[in-house]
Amino acid sequence: MITISPSAAEKVRELLAQDYPGKEMAIRVSVVSGGCSGLSYKMDFDENIAASDEKFEDKGLRMVCDKKSFFYLIGTELDYTAGLNGKGFHFVNPNASRTCACGESFSL
């Protein structure tokens, strides 16, 4: 399962209301090749959910990911920080053995 922190859920709701008012969108999370550690996280909003997608709901928000990405993301929490040291979404992934300094890429 993939979860979302309270701060990330609040920010996602804000973005959905601002950019997609009245639409039922899901948070699509995935893993792509790239970044300084080999794999990078990707996050989008999507209304097209494939039958083969893994589907989750947490804090009233729908999240989806493709089966290949799910292998890398099992147990991951999507978080949001608005502090002085950086603002934005980040993934807290218990499967990552190494992450880069910016936290946007990882390896297993």
N, C-alpha and C. Protein backbone atom coordinates (compact mmCIF):
# COMPACT_ATOMS: atom_id res chain seq x y z
N MET A 1 0.84 -1.19 0.00
CA MET A 1 0.00 0.00 0.00
C MET A 1 0.88 1.25 0.00
N ILE A 2 0.38 2.28 -0.60
CA ILE A 2 1.03 3.60 -0.60
C ILE A 2 0.12 4.53 0.17
N THR A 3 0.68 5.32 1.08
CA THR A 3 -0.13 6.22 1.91
C THR A 3 0.27 7.67 1.65
N ILE A 4 -0.51 8.58 2.24
CA ILE A 4 -0.26 10.01 2.09
C ILE A 4 -0.33 10.65 3.47
N SER A 5 0.61 11.53 3.76
CA SER A 5 0.64 12.20 5.05
C SER A 5 -0.46 13.26 5.11
N PRO A 6 -0.85 13.69 6.31
CA PRO A 6 -1.86 14.75 6.42
C PRO A 6 -1.46 16.04 5.68
N SER A 7 -0.19 16.43 5.77
CA SER A 7 0.23 17.67 5.09
C SER A 7 0.18 17.51 3.57
N ALA A 8 0.53 16.34 3.06
CA ALA A 8 0.46 16.10 1.61
C ALA A 8 -0.99 16.05 1.16
N ALA A 9 -1.86 15.43 1.95
CA ALA A 9 -3.28 15.35 1.60
C ALA A 9 -3.88 16.75 1.51
N GLU A 10 -3.54 17.60 2.45
CA GLU A 10 -4.04 18.98 2.45
C GLU A 10 -3.57 19.73 1.19
N LYS A 11 -2.30 19.59 0.84
CA LYS A 11 -1.76 20.28 -0.34
C LYS A 11 -2.37 19.72 -1.63
N VAL A 12 -2.56 18.40 -1.70
CA VAL A 12 -3.18 17.79 -2.88
C VAL A 12 -4.60 18.32 -3.06
N ARG A 13 -5.37 18.39 -1.98
CA ARG A 13 -6.74 18.92 -2.08
C ARG A 13 -6.73 20.36 -2.59
N GLU A 14 -5.78 21.15 -2.10
CA GLU A 14 -5.64 22.54 -2.54
C GLU A 14 -5.34 22.60 -4.04
N LEU A 15 -4.41 21.78 -4.51
CA LEU A 15 -4.05 21.77 -5.93
C LEU A 15 -5.20 21.28 -6.81
N LEU A 16 -5.90 20.25 -6.36
CA LEU A 16 -7.04 19.73 -7.12
C LEU A 16 -8.14 20.78 -7.25
N ALA A 17 -8.44 21.48 -6.16
CA ALA A 17 -9.47 22.52 -6.20
C ALA A 17 -9.08 23.66 -7.12
N GLN A 18 -7.80 23.98 -7.13
CA GLN A 18 -7.29 25.08 -7.95
C GLN A 18 -7.20 24.72 -9.43
N ASP A 19 -6.66 23.54 -9.74
CA ASP A 19 -6.38 23.16 -11.12
C ASP A 19 -7.42 22.28 -11.79
N TYR A 20 -8.19 21.52 -11.01
CA TYR A 20 -9.16 20.58 -11.57
C TYR A 20 -10.50 20.66 -10.83
N PRO A 21 -11.09 21.84 -10.72
CA PRO A 21 -12.34 21.96 -9.95
C PRO A 21 -13.45 21.08 -10.54
N GLY A 22 -14.10 20.31 -9.68
CA GLY A 22 -15.21 19.48 -10.10
C GLY A 22 -14.84 18.18 -10.78
N LYS A 23 -13.57 17.93 -11.03
CA LYS A 23 -13.14 16.68 -11.68
C LYS A 23 -12.71 15.67 -10.63
N GLU A 24 -12.97 14.39 -10.92
CA GLU A 24 -12.50 13.32 -10.04
C GLU A 24 -11.15 12.85 -10.54
N MET A 25 -10.12 13.27 -9.88
CA MET A 25 -8.76 12.93 -10.28
C MET A 25 -8.13 12.03 -9.23
N ALA A 26 -7.20 11.21 -9.67
CA ALA A 26 -6.40 10.38 -8.76
C ALA A 26 -4.97 10.89 -8.79
N ILE A 27 -4.24 10.62 -7.74
CA ILE A 27 -2.82 10.92 -7.70
C ILE A 27 -2.11 9.72 -8.31
N ARG A 28 -1.39 9.93 -9.40
CA ARG A 28 -0.63 8.84 -10.02
C ARG A 28 0.82 8.98 -9.59
N VAL A 29 1.33 7.96 -8.92
CA VAL A 29 2.74 7.93 -8.53
C VAL A 29 3.43 6.82 -9.32
N SER A 30 4.66 7.07 -9.68
CA SER A 30 5.40 6.07 -10.46
C SER A 30 6.89 6.23 -10.24
N VAL A 31 7.61 5.26 -10.76
CA VAL A 31 9.07 5.25 -10.70
C VAL A 31 9.56 5.17 -12.14
N VAL A 32 10.52 6.04 -12.48
CA VAL A 32 11.11 6.05 -13.82
C VAL A 32 12.62 5.97 -13.70
N SER A 33 13.27 5.50 -14.74
CA SER A 33 14.74 5.47 -14.75
C SER A 33 15.27 6.89 -14.83
N GLY A 34 16.34 7.13 -14.07
CA GLY A 34 16.98 8.44 -14.12
C GLY A 34 17.37 8.93 -12.74
N GLY A 35 17.91 10.11 -12.70
CA GLY A 35 18.36 10.69 -11.45
C GLY A 35 19.75 10.19 -11.08
N CYS A 36 20.36 10.82 -10.11
CA CYS A 36 21.74 10.48 -9.77
C CYS A 36 21.86 9.15 -9.03
N SER A 37 20.75 8.59 -8.53
CA SER A 37 20.82 7.29 -7.86
C SER A 37 20.24 6.16 -8.71
N GLY A 38 19.75 6.46 -9.91
CA GLY A 38 19.29 5.42 -10.82
C GLY A 38 17.80 5.38 -11.08
N LEU A 39 16.98 5.68 -10.07
CA LEU A 39 15.53 5.69 -10.21
C LEU A 39 14.98 7.00 -9.66
N SER A 40 13.94 7.52 -10.30
CA SER A 40 13.33 8.77 -9.84
C SER A 40 11.84 8.59 -9.63
N TYR A 41 11.30 9.39 -8.72
CA TYR A 41 9.88 9.39 -8.45
C TYR A 41 9.18 10.35 -9.41
N LYS A 42 7.93 10.01 -9.72
CA LYS A 42 7.12 10.89 -10.56
C LYS A 42 5.72 10.94 -9.96
N MET A 43 5.11 12.11 -9.99
CA MET A 43 3.76 12.28 -9.46
C MET A 43 2.97 13.17 -10.41
N ASP A 44 1.75 12.75 -10.74
CA ASP A 44 0.84 13.50 -11.61
C ASP A 44 -0.58 13.32 -11.10
N PHE A 45 -1.50 14.10 -11.65
CA PHE A 45 -2.91 13.86 -11.44
C PHE A 45 -3.44 13.20 -12.70
N ASP A 46 -4.33 12.21 -12.52
CA ASP A 46 -4.80 11.44 -13.67
C ASP A 46 -6.26 11.06 -13.47
N GLU A 47 -7.05 11.18 -14.53
CA GLU A 47 -8.43 10.73 -14.47
C GLU A 47 -8.63 9.42 -15.23
N ASN A 48 -7.59 8.97 -15.93
CA ASN A 48 -7.65 7.73 -16.71
C ASN A 48 -6.96 6.61 -15.93
N ILE A 49 -7.76 5.79 -15.31
CA ILE A 49 -7.24 4.70 -14.48
C ILE A 49 -7.36 3.39 -15.25
N ALA A 50 -6.24 2.72 -15.46
CA ALA A 50 -6.23 1.45 -16.19
C ALA A 50 -6.67 0.31 -15.27
N ALA A 51 -7.26 -0.70 -15.84
CA ALA A 51 -7.69 -1.86 -15.06
C ALA A 51 -6.50 -2.54 -14.38
N SER A 52 -5.33 -2.43 -15.00
CA SER A 52 -4.13 -3.08 -14.45
C SER A 52 -3.43 -2.25 -13.37
N ASP A 53 -3.87 -1.00 -13.14
CA ASP A 53 -3.25 -0.15 -12.13
C ASP A 53 -3.52 -0.69 -10.72
N GLU A 54 -2.56 -0.50 -9.84
CA GLU A 54 -2.77 -0.73 -8.41
C GLU A 54 -3.51 0.50 -7.89
N LYS A 55 -4.54 0.28 -7.05
CA LYS A 55 -5.38 1.39 -6.59
C LYS A 55 -5.39 1.42 -5.06
N PHE A 56 -5.32 2.64 -4.52
CA PHE A 56 -5.31 2.83 -3.06
C PHE A 56 -6.17 4.04 -2.73
N GLU A 57 -6.64 4.09 -1.51
CA GLU A 57 -7.31 5.28 -1.02
C GLU A 57 -6.81 5.54 0.39
N ASP A 58 -6.44 6.79 0.65
CA ASP A 58 -5.97 7.19 1.97
C ASP A 58 -6.39 8.63 2.21
N LYS A 59 -6.94 8.89 3.37
CA LYS A 59 -7.39 10.22 3.75
C LYS A 59 -8.36 10.81 2.73
N GLY A 60 -9.18 9.94 2.14
CA GLY A 60 -10.19 10.37 1.19
C GLY A 60 -9.67 10.68 -0.20
N LEU A 61 -8.41 10.39 -0.48
CA LEU A 61 -7.81 10.65 -1.79
C LEU A 61 -7.48 9.34 -2.48
N ARG A 62 -7.74 9.29 -3.78
CA ARG A 62 -7.41 8.11 -4.57
C ARG A 62 -5.99 8.23 -5.10
N MET A 63 -5.26 7.12 -5.01
CA MET A 63 -3.90 7.05 -5.56
C MET A 63 -3.81 5.80 -6.42
N VAL A 64 -3.05 5.90 -7.50
CA VAL A 64 -2.85 4.78 -8.40
C VAL A 64 -1.39 4.71 -8.83
N CYS A 65 -0.97 3.52 -9.21
CA CYS A 65 0.36 3.36 -9.81
C CYS A 65 0.36 2.11 -10.67
N ASP A 66 1.26 2.08 -11.64
CA ASP A 66 1.38 0.89 -12.48
C ASP A 66 2.03 -0.22 -11.66
N LYS A 67 1.84 -1.46 -12.10
CA LYS A 67 2.33 -2.62 -11.34
C LYS A 67 3.85 -2.63 -11.18
N LYS A 68 4.58 -2.21 -12.21
CA LYS A 68 6.04 -2.20 -12.11
C LYS A 68 6.51 -1.21 -11.05
N SER A 69 5.92 -0.01 -11.02
CA SER A 69 6.29 0.99 -10.03
C SER A 69 5.91 0.55 -8.62
N PHE A 70 4.79 -0.17 -8.50
CA PHE A 70 4.33 -0.61 -7.19
C PHE A 70 5.38 -1.43 -6.47
N PHE A 71 6.11 -2.26 -7.21
CA PHE A 71 7.18 -3.07 -6.62
C PHE A 71 8.18 -2.20 -5.86
N TYR A 72 8.50 -1.04 -6.39
CA TYR A 72 9.47 -0.13 -5.77
C TYR A 72 8.84 0.73 -4.66
N LEU A 73 7.52 0.87 -4.69
CA LEU A 73 6.85 1.83 -3.81
C LEU A 73 6.06 1.21 -2.65
N ILE A 74 6.09 -0.10 -2.50
CA ILE A 74 5.34 -0.75 -1.42
C ILE A 74 5.76 -0.15 -0.08
N GLY A 75 4.77 0.32 0.67
CA GLY A 75 5.03 0.89 1.99
C GLY A 75 5.46 2.34 1.99
N THR A 76 5.49 2.98 0.84
CA THR A 76 5.93 4.37 0.72
C THR A 76 4.85 5.33 1.17
N GLU A 77 5.28 6.45 1.77
CA GLU A 77 4.36 7.53 2.14
C GLU A 77 4.70 8.76 1.32
N LEU A 78 3.69 9.37 0.72
CA LEU A 78 3.86 10.64 0.03
C LEU A 78 3.70 11.73 1.08
N ASP A 79 4.70 12.60 1.20
CA ASP A 79 4.69 13.65 2.22
C ASP A 79 4.86 15.01 1.55
N TYR A 80 4.53 16.07 2.28
CA TYR A 80 4.71 17.43 1.78
C TYR A 80 5.33 18.26 2.88
N THR A 81 6.35 19.03 2.53
CA THR A 81 7.02 19.91 3.47
C THR A 81 6.97 21.33 2.95
N ALA A 82 6.68 22.27 3.83
CA ALA A 82 6.64 23.68 3.43
C ALA A 82 7.64 24.49 4.26
N GLY A 83 8.70 23.84 4.70
CA GLY A 83 9.66 24.49 5.59
C GLY A 83 10.68 25.35 4.86
N LEU A 84 11.55 25.95 5.63
CA LEU A 84 12.58 26.83 5.10
C LEU A 84 13.64 26.08 4.31
N ASN A 85 13.84 24.81 4.60
CA ASN A 85 14.88 24.02 3.92
C ASN A 85 14.40 23.39 2.61
N GLY A 86 13.25 23.75 2.18
CA GLY A 86 12.74 23.19 0.94
C GLY A 86 11.26 22.95 1.02
N LYS A 87 10.60 23.20 -0.06
CA LYS A 87 9.16 23.10 -0.11
C LYS A 87 8.78 22.13 -1.21
N GLY A 88 7.87 21.22 -0.93
CA GLY A 88 7.40 20.34 -1.97
C GLY A 88 7.08 18.94 -1.48
N PHE A 89 6.65 18.12 -2.43
CA PHE A 89 6.32 16.73 -2.15
C PHE A 89 7.59 15.90 -2.14
N HIS A 90 7.63 14.91 -1.27
CA HIS A 90 8.72 13.95 -1.29
C HIS A 90 8.19 12.59 -0.85
N PHE A 91 8.91 11.57 -1.24
CA PHE A 91 8.51 10.19 -0.98
C PHE A 91 9.36 9.63 0.15
N VAL A 92 8.70 9.06 1.15
CA VAL A 92 9.38 8.38 2.26
C VAL A 92 9.26 6.89 1.94
N ASN A 93 10.35 6.36 1.37
CA ASN A 93 10.34 5.00 0.84
C ASN A 93 11.21 4.07 1.69
N PRO A 94 10.59 3.11 2.41
CA PRO A 94 11.37 2.20 3.26
C PRO A 94 12.20 1.21 2.45
N ASN A 95 11.95 1.09 1.15
CA ASN A 95 12.67 0.14 0.30
C ASN A 95 13.97 0.71 -0.26
N ALA A 96 14.13 2.02 -0.21
CA ALA A 96 15.31 2.66 -0.79
C ALA A 96 16.54 2.40 0.07
N SER A 97 17.58 1.86 -0.55
CA SER A 97 18.82 1.62 0.18
C SER A 97 19.75 2.83 0.09
N ARG A 98 19.53 3.65 -0.92
CA ARG A 98 20.35 4.85 -1.10
C ARG A 98 19.49 5.91 -1.77
N THR A 99 19.61 7.15 -1.32
CA THR A 99 18.93 8.27 -1.96
C THR A 99 19.96 9.36 -2.24
N CYS A 100 19.64 10.19 -3.20
CA CYS A 100 20.55 11.30 -3.49
C CYS A 100 20.27 12.43 -2.50
N ALA A 101 21.11 13.43 -2.50
CA ALA A 101 20.99 14.53 -1.55
C ALA A 101 19.67 15.29 -1.70
N CYS A 102 19.17 15.40 -2.91
CA CYS A 102 17.92 16.14 -3.12
C CYS A 102 16.70 15.31 -2.77
N GLY A 103 16.85 13.99 -2.64
CA GLY A 103 15.75 13.12 -2.27
C GLY A 103 14.81 12.75 -3.39
N GLU A 104 15.15 13.13 -4.62
CA GLU A 104 14.28 12.85 -5.74
C GLU A 104 14.64 11.58 -6.51
N SER A 105 15.75 10.97 -6.18
CA SER A 105 16.08 9.70 -6.81
C SER A 105 16.60 8.73 -5.76
N PHE A 106 16.57 7.44 -6.11
CA PHE A 106 16.93 6.41 -5.14
C PHE A 106 17.40 5.16 -5.86
N SER A 107 17.91 4.22 -5.09
CA SER A 107 18.22 2.89 -5.62
C SER A 107 17.83 1.88 -4.55
N LEU A 108 17.70 0.63 -4.98
CA LEU A 108 17.32 -0.44 -4.04
C LEU A 108 18.53 -1.26 -3.68
